[in-house]
PDB file of N, CA and C in Angstrom:
ATOM      1  N   MET A   1      14.791 -14.076 -16.860  1.00  0.00           N
ATOM      2  CA  MET A   1      13.964 -13.470 -15.855  1.00  0.00           C
ATOM      3  C   MET A   1      14.793 -12.520 -15.008  1.00  0.00           C
ATOM      4  N   ALA A   2      14.331 -11.293 -14.919  1.00  0.00           N
ATOM      5  CA  ALA A   2      15.026 -10.293 -14.111  1.00  0.00           C
ATOM      6  C   ALA A   2      14.272 -10.063 -12.811  1.00  0.00           C
ATOM      7  N   ASN A   3      15.025  -9.950 -11.727  1.00  0.00           N
ATOM      8  CA  ASN A   3      14.464  -9.633 -10.414  1.00  0.00           C
ATOM      9  C   ASN A   3      14.963  -8.262 -10.005  1.00  0.00           C
ATOM     10  N   ASN A   4      14.042  -7.355  -9.743  1.00  0.00           N
ATOM     11  CA  ASN A   4      14.409  -5.990  -9.379  1.00  0.00           C
ATOM     12  C   ASN A   4      13.727  -5.591  -8.075  1.00  0.00           C
ATOM     13  N   PHE A   5      14.535  -5.292  -7.051  1.00  0.00           N
ATOM     14  CA  PHE A   5      14.002  -4.741  -5.807  1.00  0.00           C
ATOM     15  C   PHE A   5      13.763  -3.257  -6.000  1.00  0.00           C
ATOM     16  N   ARG A   6      12.602  -2.775  -5.524  1.00  0.00           N
ATOM     17  CA  ARG A   6      12.248  -1.367  -5.663  1.00  0.00           C
ATOM     18  C   ARG A   6      11.519  -0.901  -4.419  1.00  0.00           C
ATOM     19  N   SER A   7      11.381   0.391  -4.313  1.00  0.00           N
ATOM     20  CA  SER A   7      10.493   0.966  -3.303  1.00  0.00           C
ATOM     21  C   SER A   7       9.686   2.077  -3.954  1.00  0.00           C
ATOM     22  N   ASN A   8       8.459   2.191  -3.534  1.00  0.00           N
ATOM     23  CA  ASN A   8       7.575   3.273  -3.961  1.00  0.00           C
ATOM     24  C   ASN A   8       7.180   4.044  -2.709  1.00  0.00           C
ATOM     25  N   VAL A   9       7.059   5.346  -2.848  1.00  0.00           N
ATOM     26  CA  VAL A   9       6.628   6.181  -1.732  1.00  0.00           C
ATOM     27  C   VAL A   9       5.451   7.041  -2.181  1.00  0.00           C
ATOM     28  N   ALA A  10       4.592   7.346  -1.235  1.00  0.00           N
ATOM     29  CA  ALA A  10       3.464   8.241  -1.498  1.00  0.00           C
ATOM     30  C   ALA A  10       3.238   9.085  -0.251  1.00  0.00           C
ATOM     31  N   ALA A  11       3.243  10.389  -0.421  1.00  0.00           N
ATOM     32  CA  ALA A  11       3.036  11.310   0.692  1.00  0.00           C
ATOM     33  C   ALA A  11       1.629  11.874   0.653  1.00  0.00           C
ATOM     34  N   ASN A  12       1.136  12.245   1.823  1.00  0.00           N
ATOM     35  CA  ASN A  12      -0.133  12.967   1.943  1.00  0.00           C
ATOM     36  C   ASN A  12      -1.313  12.221   1.320  1.00  0.00           C
ATOM     37  N   ILE A  13      -1.485  10.976   1.727  1.00  0.00           N
ATOM     38  CA  ILE A  13      -2.594  10.157   1.231  1.00  0.00           C
ATOM     39  C   ILE A  13      -3.917  10.855   1.528  1.00  0.00           C
ATOM     40  N   THR A  14      -4.811  10.854   0.547  1.00  0.00           N
ATOM     41  CA  THR A  14      -6.112  11.510   0.692  1.00  0.00           C
ATOM     42  C   THR A  14      -7.193  10.488   1.037  1.00  0.00           C
ATOM     43  N   THR A  15      -8.422  10.967   1.132  1.00  0.00           N
ATOM     44  CA  THR A  15      -9.522  10.104   1.543  1.00  0.00           C
ATOM     45  C   THR A  15     -10.028   9.192   0.424  1.00  0.00           C
ATOM     46  N   THR A  16      -9.666   9.467  -0.823  1.00  0.00           N
ATOM     47  CA  THR A  16     -10.092   8.605  -1.927  1.00  0.00           C
ATOM     48  C   THR A  16      -9.084   8.635  -3.066  1.00  0.00           C
ATOM     49  N   GLY A  17      -9.069   7.555  -3.842  1.00  0.00           N
ATOM     50  CA  GLY A  17      -8.374   7.538  -5.116  1.00  0.00           C
ATOM     51  C   GLY A  17      -6.862   7.474  -5.105  1.00  0.00           C
ATOM     52  N   ASN A  18      -6.251   6.910  -4.083  1.00  0.00           N
ATOM     53  CA  ASN A  18      -4.795   6.838  -4.002  1.00  0.00           C
ATOM     54  C   ASN A  18      -4.273   5.508  -4.534  1.00  0.00           C
ATOM     55  N   VAL A  19      -3.752   5.526  -5.736  1.00  0.00           N
ATOM     56  CA  VAL A  19      -3.113   4.338  -6.304  1.00  0.00           C
ATOM     57  C   VAL A  19      -1.630   4.457  -5.968  1.00  0.00           C
ATOM     58  N   VAL A  20      -1.154   3.574  -5.112  1.00  0.00           N
ATOM     59  CA  VAL A  20       0.219   3.649  -4.624  1.00  0.00           C
ATOM     60  C   VAL A  20       1.174   2.875  -5.527  1.00  0.00           C
ATOM     61  N   TYR A  21       0.683   1.798  -6.142  1.00  0.00           N
ATOM     62  CA  TYR A  21       1.536   0.992  -7.027  1.00  0.00           C
ATOM     63  C   TYR A  21       0.647   0.251  -8.013  1.00  0.00           C
ATOM     64  N   VAL A  22       1.114   0.151  -9.268  1.00  0.00           N
ATOM     65  CA  VAL A  22       0.461  -0.644 -10.303  1.00  0.00           C
ATOM     66  C   VAL A  22       1.479  -1.647 -10.813  1.00  0.00           C
ATOM     67  N   CYS A  23       1.124  -2.918 -10.797  1.00  0.00           N
ATOM     68  CA  CYS A  23       2.021  -3.960 -11.298  1.00  0.00           C
ATOM     69  C   CYS A  23       2.118  -3.839 -12.828  1.00  0.00           C
ATOM     70  N   PRO A  24       3.337  -3.662 -13.354  1.00  0.00           N
ATOM     71  CA  PRO A  24       3.510  -3.490 -14.803  1.00  0.00           C
ATOM     72  C   PRO A  24       3.099  -4.740 -15.599  1.00  0.00           C
ATOM     73  N   SER A  25       2.853  -4.540 -16.888  1.00  0.00           N
ATOM     74  CA  SER A  25       2.514  -5.666 -17.753  1.00  0.00           C
ATOM     75  C   SER A  25       3.697  -6.623 -17.836  1.00  0.00           C
ATOM     76  N   SER A  26       3.413  -7.892 -18.075  1.00  0.00           N
ATOM     77  CA  SER A  26       4.426  -8.960 -18.168  1.00  0.00           C
ATOM     78  C   SER A  26       5.293  -9.041 -16.915  1.00  0.00           C
ATOM     79  N   THR A  27       4.698  -8.717 -15.761  1.00  0.00           N
ATOM     80  CA  THR A  27       5.438  -8.690 -14.509  1.00  0.00           C
ATOM     81  C   THR A  27       4.600  -9.310 -13.398  1.00  0.00           C
ATOM     82  N   GLN A  28       5.274 -10.007 -12.501  1.00  0.00           N
ATOM     83  CA  GLN A  28       4.683 -10.408 -11.228  1.00  0.00           C
ATOM     84  C   GLN A  28       5.448  -9.656 -10.152  1.00  0.00           C
ATOM     85  N   THR A  29       4.726  -9.166  -9.155  1.00  0.00           N
ATOM     86  CA  THR A  29       5.362  -8.389  -8.094  1.00  0.00           C
ATOM     87  C   THR A  29       5.023  -9.010  -6.750  1.00  0.00           C
ATOM     88  N   THR A  30       6.026  -9.108  -5.898  1.00  0.00           N
ATOM     89  CA  THR A  30       5.804  -9.526  -4.516  1.00  0.00           C
ATOM     90  C   THR A  30       6.041  -8.317  -3.620  1.00  0.00           C
ATOM     91  N   LEU A  31       4.984  -7.910  -2.924  1.00  0.00           N
ATOM     92  CA  LEU A  31       5.142  -6.845  -1.941  1.00  0.00           C
ATOM     93  C   LEU A  31       5.763  -7.477  -0.705  1.00  0.00           C
ATOM     94  N   ILE A  32       6.896  -6.934  -0.272  1.00  0.00           N
ATOM     95  CA  ILE A  32       7.604  -7.495   0.872  1.00  0.00           C
ATOM     96  C   ILE A  32       7.537  -6.584   2.091  1.00  0.00           C
ATOM     97  N   GLY A  33       7.053  -5.377   1.901  1.00  0.00           N
ATOM     98  CA  GLY A  33       6.885  -4.458   3.012  1.00  0.00           C
ATOM     99  C   GLY A  33       5.922  -3.347   2.661  1.00  0.00           C
ATOM    100  N   LEU A  34       5.085  -2.985   3.606  1.00  0.00           N
ATOM    101  CA  LEU A  34       4.155  -1.870   3.432  1.00  0.00           C
ATOM    102  C   LEU A  34       4.012  -1.176   4.776  1.00  0.00           C
ATOM    103  N   THR A  35       4.401   0.091   4.831  1.00  0.00           N
ATOM    104  CA  THR A  35       4.343   0.871   6.063  1.00  0.00           C
ATOM    105  C   THR A  35       3.502   2.116   5.834  1.00  0.00           C
ATOM    106  N   LEU A  36       2.529   2.327   6.708  1.00  0.00           N
ATOM    107  CA  LEU A  36       1.690   3.516   6.689  1.00  0.00           C
ATOM    108  C   LEU A  36       2.010   4.304   7.952  1.00  0.00           C
ATOM    109  N   SER A  37       2.414   5.548   7.804  1.00  0.00           N
ATOM    110  CA  SER A  37       2.837   6.375   8.928  1.00  0.00           C
ATOM    111  C   SER A  37       1.875   7.535   9.133  1.00  0.00           C
ATOM    112  N   ASN A  38       1.356   7.661  10.346  1.00  0.00           N
ATOM    113  CA  ASN A  38       0.465   8.762  10.690  1.00  0.00           C
ATOM    114  C   ASN A  38       1.306   9.948  11.149  1.00  0.00           C
ATOM    115  N   LYS A  39       1.322  10.982  10.341  1.00  0.00           N
ATOM    116  CA  LYS A  39       2.114  12.167  10.674  1.00  0.00           C
ATOM    117  C   LYS A  39       1.264  13.300  11.249  1.00  0.00           C
ATOM    118  N   SER A  40       0.010  13.003  11.530  1.00  0.00           N
ATOM    119  CA  SER A  40      -0.883  14.024  12.076  1.00  0.00           C
ATOM    120  C   SER A  40      -0.884  13.979  13.606  1.00  0.00           C
ATOM    121  N   ALA A  41      -1.565  14.942  14.218  1.00  0.00           N
ATOM    122  CA  ALA A  41      -1.646  15.025  15.671  1.00  0.00           C
ATOM    123  C   ALA A  41      -2.797  14.206  16.248  1.00  0.00           C
ATOM    124  N   GLY A  42      -3.620  13.626  15.368  1.00  0.00           N
ATOM    125  CA  GLY A  42      -4.767  12.842  15.834  1.00  0.00           C
ATOM    126  C   GLY A  42      -4.762  11.438  15.270  1.00  0.00           C
ATOM    127  N   SER A  43      -5.580  10.578  15.832  1.00  0.00           N
ATOM    128  CA  SER A  43      -5.720   9.214  15.322  1.00  0.00           C
ATOM    129  C   SER A  43      -6.423   9.242  13.972  1.00  0.00           C
ATOM    130  N   VAL A  44      -6.014   8.349  13.092  1.00  0.00           N
ATOM    131  CA  VAL A  44      -6.652   8.205  11.784  1.00  0.00           C
ATOM    132  C   VAL A  44      -6.880   6.722  11.525  1.00  0.00           C
ATOM    133  N   THR A  45      -7.693   6.430  10.530  1.00  0.00           N
ATOM    134  CA  THR A  45      -7.859   5.058  10.069  1.00  0.00           C
ATOM    135  C   THR A  45      -7.488   4.996   8.596  1.00  0.00           C
ATOM    136  N   SER A  46      -7.202   3.789   8.137  1.00  0.00           N
ATOM    137  CA  SER A  46      -6.801   3.616   6.750  1.00  0.00           C
ATOM    138  C   SER A  46      -7.413   2.345   6.180  1.00  0.00           C
ATOM    139  N   ASN A  47      -7.680   2.406   4.888  1.00  0.00           N
ATOM    140  CA  ASN A  47      -8.118   1.234   4.134  1.00  0.00           C
ATOM    141  C   ASN A  47      -7.033   0.896   3.130  1.00  0.00           C
ATOM    142  N   VAL A  48      -6.685  -0.389   3.059  1.00  0.00           N
ATOM    143  CA  VAL A  48      -5.695  -0.858   2.102  1.00  0.00           C
ATOM    144  C   VAL A  48      -6.363  -1.964   1.301  1.00  0.00           C
ATOM    145  N   TYR A  49      -6.288  -1.853  -0.019  1.00  0.00           N
ATOM    146  CA  TYR A  49      -6.898  -2.910  -0.813  1.00  0.00           C
ATOM    147  C   TYR A  49      -6.155  -3.138  -2.117  1.00  0.00           C
ATOM    148  N   LEU A  50      -6.329  -4.341  -2.626  1.00  0.00           N
ATOM    149  CA  LEU A  50      -5.813  -4.755  -3.925  1.00  0.00           C
ATOM    150  C   LEU A  50      -6.958  -4.642  -4.911  1.00  0.00           C
ATOM    151  N   ARG A  51      -6.720  -3.953  -6.027  1.00  0.00           N
ATOM    152  CA  ARG A  51      -7.744  -3.827  -7.072  1.00  0.00           C
ATOM    153  C   ARG A  51      -7.322  -4.689  -8.243  1.00  0.00           C
ATOM    154  N   ARG A  52      -8.182  -5.644  -8.594  1.00  0.00           N
ATOM    155  CA  ARG A  52      -7.932  -6.539  -9.720  1.00  0.00           C
ATOM    156  C   ARG A  52      -9.201  -6.613 -10.560  1.00  0.00           C
ATOM    157  N   SER A  53      -9.060  -6.340 -11.843  1.00  0.00           N
ATOM    158  CA  SER A  53     -10.196  -6.423 -12.777  1.00  0.00           C
ATOM    159  C   SER A  53     -11.401  -5.631 -12.263  1.00  0.00           C
ATOM    160  N   SER A  54     -11.160  -4.400 -11.822  1.00  0.00           N
ATOM    161  CA  SER A  54     -12.198  -3.478 -11.356  1.00  0.00           C
ATOM    162  C   SER A  54     -12.897  -3.905 -10.068  1.00  0.00           C
ATOM    163  N   VAL A  55     -12.317  -4.851  -9.336  1.00  0.00           N
ATOM    164  CA  VAL A  55     -12.870  -5.288  -8.056  1.00  0.00           C
ATOM    165  C   VAL A  55     -11.855  -4.992  -6.961  1.00  0.00           C
ATOM    166  N   ASN A  56     -12.312  -4.392  -5.862  1.00  0.00           N
ATOM    167  CA  ASN A  56     -11.444  -4.107  -4.717  1.00  0.00           C
ATOM    168  C   ASN A  56     -11.504  -5.258  -3.722  1.00  0.00           C
ATOM    169  N   TYR A  57     -10.332  -5.751  -3.319  1.00  0.00           N
ATOM    170  CA  TYR A  57     -10.216  -6.806  -2.315  1.00  0.00           C
ATOM    171  C   TYR A  57      -9.526  -6.195  -1.095  1.00  0.00           C
ATOM    172  N   SER A  58     -10.224  -6.179   0.021  1.00  0.00           N
ATOM    173  CA  SER A  58      -9.742  -5.494   1.218  1.00  0.00           C
ATOM    174  C   SER A  58      -8.634  -6.269   1.919  1.00  0.00           C
ATOM    175  N   LEU A  59      -7.532  -5.559   2.213  1.00  0.00           N
ATOM    176  CA  LEU A  59      -6.467  -6.109   3.051  1.00  0.00           C
ATOM    177  C   LEU A  59      -6.627  -5.590   4.477  1.00  0.00           C
ATOM    178  N   ILE A  60      -6.999  -4.313   4.602  1.00  0.00           N
ATOM    179  CA  ILE A  60      -7.252  -3.676   5.899  1.00  0.00           C
ATOM    180  C   ILE A  60      -8.454  -2.772   5.716  1.00  0.00           C
ATOM    181  N   SER A  61      -9.381  -2.861   6.640  1.00  0.00           N
ATOM    182  CA  SER A  61     -10.553  -2.003   6.597  1.00  0.00           C
ATOM    183  C   SER A  61     -10.616  -1.192   7.892  1.00  0.00           C
ATOM    184  N   ASN A  62     -10.505   0.119   7.759  1.00  0.00           N
ATOM    185  CA  ASN A  62     -10.527   1.029   8.908  1.00  0.00           C
ATOM    186  C   ASN A  62      -9.472   0.685   9.956  1.00  0.00           C
ATOM    187  N   GLY A  63      -8.271   0.392   9.487  1.00  0.00           N
ATOM    188  CA  GLY A  63      -7.163   0.090  10.394  1.00  0.00           C
ATOM    189  C   GLY A  63      -6.729   1.333  11.147  1.00  0.00           C
ATOM    190  N   PRO A  64      -6.731   1.283  12.488  1.00  0.00           N
ATOM    191  CA  PRO A  64      -6.372   2.466  13.267  1.00  0.00           C
ATOM    192  C   PRO A  64      -4.867   2.711  13.298  1.00  0.00           C
ATOM    193  N   ILE A  65      -4.503   3.992  13.209  1.00  0.00           N
ATOM    194  CA  ILE A  65      -3.102   4.394  13.328  1.00  0.00           C
ATOM    195  C   ILE A  65      -3.058   5.577  14.302  1.00  0.00           C
ATOM    196  N   LEU A  66      -2.402   5.371  15.427  1.00  0.00           N
ATOM    197  CA  LEU A  66      -2.300   6.425  16.444  1.00  0.00           C
ATOM    198  C   LEU A  66      -1.367   7.538  15.972  1.00  0.00           C
ATOM    199  N   PRO A  67      -1.473   8.729  16.553  1.00  0.00           N
ATOM    200  CA  PRO A  67      -0.595   9.840  16.151  1.00  0.00           C
ATOM    201  C   PRO A  67       0.876   9.460  16.316  1.00  0.00           C
ATOM    202  N   GLY A  68       1.665   9.744  15.304  1.00  0.00           N
ATOM    203  CA  GLY A  68       3.102   9.485  15.360  1.00  0.00           C
ATOM    204  C   GLY A  68       3.492   8.027  15.281  1.00  0.00           C
ATOM    205  N   SER A  69       2.554   7.135  14.954  1.00  0.00           N
ATOM    206  CA  SER A  69       2.890   5.711  14.880  1.00  0.00           C
ATOM    207  C   SER A  69       2.653   5.179  13.473  1.00  0.00           C
ATOM    208  N   THR A  70       2.912   3.887  13.304  1.00  0.00           N
ATOM    209  CA  THR A  70       2.802   3.266  11.993  1.00  0.00           C
ATOM    210  C   THR A  70       1.936   2.014  12.048  1.00  0.00           C
ATOM    211  N   LEU A  71       1.432   1.649  10.888  1.00  0.00           N
ATOM    212  CA  LEU A  71       0.733   0.385  10.677  1.00  0.00           C
ATOM    213  C   LEU A  71       1.514  -0.345   9.595  1.00  0.00           C
ATOM    214  N   VAL A  72       1.875  -1.606   9.855  1.00  0.00           N
ATOM    215  CA  VAL A  72       2.683  -2.385   8.911  1.00  0.00           C
ATOM    216  C   VAL A  72       1.893  -3.644   8.533  1.00  0.00           C
ATOM    217  N   PRO A  73       1.003  -3.534   7.532  1.00  0.00           N
ATOM    218  CA  PRO A  73       0.186  -4.687   7.163  1.00  0.00           C
ATOM    219  C   PRO A  73       0.927  -5.750   6.354  1.00  0.00           C
ATOM    220  N   ILE A  74       2.036  -5.384   5.713  1.00  0.00           N
ATOM    221  CA  ILE A  74       2.817  -6.341   4.940  1.00  0.00           C
ATOM    222  C   ILE A  74       4.266  -6.229   5.386  1.00  0.00           C
ATOM    223  N   GLY A  75       4.851  -7.362   5.738  1.00  0.00           N
ATOM    224  CA  GLY A  75       6.231  -7.432   6.210  1.00  0.00           C
ATOM    225  C   GLY A  75       6.375  -8.647   7.095  1.00  0.00           C
ATOM    226  N   GLY A  76       7.583  -9.000   7.458  1.00  0.00           N
ATOM    227  CA  GLY A  76       7.778 -10.205   8.263  1.00  0.00           C
ATOM    228  C   GLY A  76       7.301 -11.424   7.501  1.00  0.00           C
ATOM    229  N   ASP A  77       6.354 -12.164   8.072  1.00  0.00           N
ATOM    230  CA  ASP A  77       5.819 -13.359   7.414  1.00  0.00           C
ATOM    231  C   ASP A  77       4.762 -13.052   6.362  1.00  0.00           C
ATOM    232  N   GLN A  78       4.194 -11.857   6.379  1.00  0.00           N
ATOM    233  CA  GLN A  78       3.115 -11.488   5.460  1.00  0.00           C
ATOM    234  C   GLN A  78       3.668 -10.886   4.177  1.00  0.00           C
ATOM    235  N   LYS A  79       3.339 -11.480   3.040  1.00  0.00           N
ATOM    236  CA  LYS A  79       3.707 -10.980   1.713  1.00  0.00           C
ATOM    237  C   LYS A  79       2.435 -10.908   0.869  1.00  0.00           C
ATOM    238  N   LEU A  80       2.506 -10.207  -0.253  1.00  0.00           N
ATOM    239  CA  LEU A  80       1.381 -10.137  -1.180  1.00  0.00           C
ATOM    240  C   LEU A  80       1.915 -10.240  -2.596  1.00  0.00           C
ATOM    241  N   VAL A  81       1.388 -11.191  -3.359  1.00  0.00           N
ATOM    242  CA  VAL A  81       1.783 -11.364  -4.757  1.00  0.00           C
ATOM    243  C   VAL A  81       0.755 -10.656  -5.630  1.00  0.00           C
ATOM    244  N   MET A  82       1.263  -9.827  -6.549  1.00  0.00           N
ATOM    245  CA  MET A  82       0.406  -9.087  -7.470  1.00  0.00           C
ATOM    246  C   MET A  82       0.653  -9.550  -8.899  1.00  0.00           C
ATOM    247  N   GLN A  83      -0.398  -9.534  -9.693  1.00  0.00           N
ATOM    248  CA  GLN A  83      -0.312  -9.874 -11.112  1.00  0.00           C
ATOM    249  C   GLN A  83      -0.305  -8.596 -11.935  1.00  0.00           C
ATOM    250  N   ALA A  84       0.055  -8.733 -13.198  1.00  0.00           N
ATOM    251  CA  ALA A  84       0.077  -7.585 -14.105  1.00  0.00           C
ATOM    252  C   ALA A  84      -1.257  -6.837 -14.045  1.00  0.00           C
ATOM    253  N   ALA A  85      -1.199  -5.521 -13.952  1.00  0.00           N
ATOM    254  CA  ALA A  85      -2.333  -4.587 -13.913  1.00  0.00           C
ATOM    255  C   ALA A  85      -3.014  -4.500 -12.547  1.00  0.00           C
ATOM    256  N   ASP A  86      -2.626  -5.311 -11.565  1.00  0.00           N
ATOM    257  CA  ASP A  86      -3.162  -5.161 -10.211  1.00  0.00           C
ATOM    258  C   ASP A  86      -2.719  -3.809  -9.649  1.00  0.00           C
ATOM    259  N   GLU A  87      -3.573  -3.218  -8.820  1.00  0.00           N
ATOM    260  CA  GLU A  87      -3.258  -1.936  -8.190  1.00  0.00           C
ATOM    261  C   GLU A  87      -3.307  -2.075  -6.675  1.00  0.00           C
ATOM    262  N   LEU A  88      -2.360  -1.438  -5.997  1.00  0.00           N
ATOM    263  CA  LEU A  88      -2.402  -1.302  -4.546  1.00  0.00           C
ATOM    264  C   LEU A  88      -2.962   0.082  -4.262  1.00  0.00           C
ATOM    265  N   ARG A  89      -4.072   0.136  -3.522  1.00  0.00           N
ATOM    266  CA  ARG A  89      -4.739   1.396  -3.225  1.00  0.00           C
ATOM    267  C   ARG A  89      -4.848   1.594  -1.720  1.00  0.00           C
ATOM    268  N   ILE A  90      -4.697   2.837  -1.306  1.00  0.00           N
ATOM    269  CA  ILE A  90      -4.758   3.168   0.112  1.00  0.00           C
ATOM    270  C   ILE A  90      -5.540   4.469   0.280  1.00  0.00           C
ATOM    271  N   ASP A  91      -6.443   4.487   1.261  1.00  0.00           N
ATOM    272  CA  ASP A  91      -7.203   5.676   1.600  1.00  0.00           C
ATOM    273  C   ASP A  91      -7.003   5.992   3.075  1.00  0.00           C
ATOM    274  N   ALA A  92      -7.109   7.257   3.434  1.00  0.00           N
ATOM    275  CA  ALA A  92      -7.007   7.693   4.828  1.00  0.00           C
ATOM    276  C   ALA A  92      -8.306   8.369   5.248  1.00  0.00           C
ATOM    277  N   SER A  93      -8.600   8.325   6.543  1.00  0.00           N
ATOM    278  CA  SER A  93      -9.813   8.974   7.045  1.00  0.00           C
ATOM    279  C   SER A  93      -9.667  10.497   7.096  1.00  0.00           C
ATOM    280  N   VAL A  94      -8.417  10.983   7.098  1.00  0.00           N
ATOM    281  CA  VAL A  94      -8.145  12.422   7.141  1.00  0.00           C
ATOM    282  C   VAL A  94      -7.147  12.747   6.021  1.00  0.00           C
ATOM    283  N   ASN A  95      -7.477  13.726   5.191  1.00  0.00           N
ATOM    284  CA  ASN A  95      -6.587  14.112   4.092  1.00  0.00           C
ATOM    285  C   ASN A  95      -5.193  14.480   4.586  1.00  0.00           C
ATOM    286  N   ALA A  96      -4.183  14.040   3.839  1.00  0.00           N
ATOM    287  CA  ALA A  96      -2.783  14.404   4.053  1.00  0.00           C
ATOM    288  C   ALA A  96      -2.232  13.982   5.412  1.00  0.00           C
ATOM    289  N   SER A  97      -2.807  12.950   6.020  1.00  0.00           N
ATOM    290  CA  SER A  97      -2.367  12.525   7.351  1.00  0.00           C
ATOM    291  C   SER A  97      -1.402  11.342   7.319  1.00  0.00           C
ATOM    292  N   ILE A  98      -1.331  10.644   6.193  1.00  0.00           N
ATOM    293  CA  ILE A  98      -0.554   9.409   6.114  1.00  0.00           C
ATOM    294  C   ILE A  98       0.454   9.474   4.973  1.00  0.00           C
ATOM    295  N   ASP A  99       1.664   8.983   5.241  1.00  0.00           N
ATOM    296  CA  ASP A  99       2.665   8.714   4.208  1.00  0.00           C
ATOM    297  C   ASP A  99       2.833   7.197   4.111  1.00  0.00           C
ATOM    298  N   VAL A 100       3.194   6.726   2.911  1.00  0.00           N
ATOM    299  CA  VAL A 100       3.283   5.287   2.650  1.00  0.00           C
ATOM    300  C   VAL A 100       4.627   4.950   2.017  1.00  0.00           C
ATOM    301  N   ILE A 101       5.209   3.841   2.458  1.00  0.00           N
ATOM    302  CA  ILE A 101       6.400   3.278   1.823  1.00  0.00           C
ATOM    303  C   ILE A 101       6.110   1.819   1.492  1.00  0.00           C
ATOM    304  N   VAL A 102       6.343   1.456   0.232  1.00  0.00           N
ATOM    305  CA  VAL A 102       6.126   0.084  -0.225  1.00  0.00           C
ATOM    306  C   VAL A 102       7.471  -0.477  -0.716  1.00  0.00           C
ATOM    307  N   SER A 103       7.850  -1.625  -0.186  1.00  0.00           N
ATOM    308  CA  SER A 103       9.033  -2.333  -0.668  1.00  0.00           C
ATOM    309  C   SER A 103       8.556  -3.537  -1.467  1.00  0.00           C
ATOM    310  N   LEU A 104       9.188  -3.758  -2.626  1.00  0.00           N
ATOM    311  CA  LEU A 104       8.668  -4.800  -3.503  1.00  0.00           C
ATOM    312  C   LEU A 104       9.769  -5.435  -4.350  1.00  0.00           C
ATOM    313  N   LEU A 105       9.428  -6.589  -4.902  1.00  0.00           N
ATOM    314  CA  LEU A 105      10.288  -7.307  -5.830  1.00  0.00           C
ATOM    315  C   LEU A 105       9.508  -7.527  -7.108  1.00  0.00           C
ATOM    316  N   GLU A 106       9.984  -6.954  -8.210  1.00  0.00           N
ATOM    317  CA  GLU A 106       9.362  -7.150  -9.517  1.00  0.00           C
ATOM    318  C   GLU A 106      10.110  -8.247 -10.267  1.00  0.00           C
ATOM    319  N   ILE A 107       9.358  -9.190 -10.812  1.00  0.00           N
ATOM    320  CA  ILE A 107       9.917 -10.295 -11.568  1.00  0.00           C
ATOM    321  C   ILE A 107       9.391 -10.192 -12.993  1.00  0.00           C
ATOM    322  N   THR A 108      10.324 -10.001 -13.931  1.00  0.00           N
ATOM    323  CA  THR A 108       9.913  -9.847 -15.348  1.00  0.00           C
ATOM    324  C   THR A 108      10.497 -10.966 -16.189  1.00  0.00           C
TER     325      THR A 108
END
């Protein structure tokens, strides 16, 4: 069994269809950090969800992010375990207003 720490980044999150991470086949992944940064001049909201077997499971629904600040839904005591083919998806209320950093541990 191999353990690999990784990070994924996504810039300019749009209002729909942003797949930030897909858990590879024959792999379990633990998300250990997720940071959403509002780089716009106005307040925005964000939706974060786990997609499994064509079903979206909400982690955050319309989470507010003030201008120049961040929302950290995963980190500290909060972790998320993903199975093979699970997707982490994020949407923003305003196009190109949010950047995302995901820290994770893949176990193969």
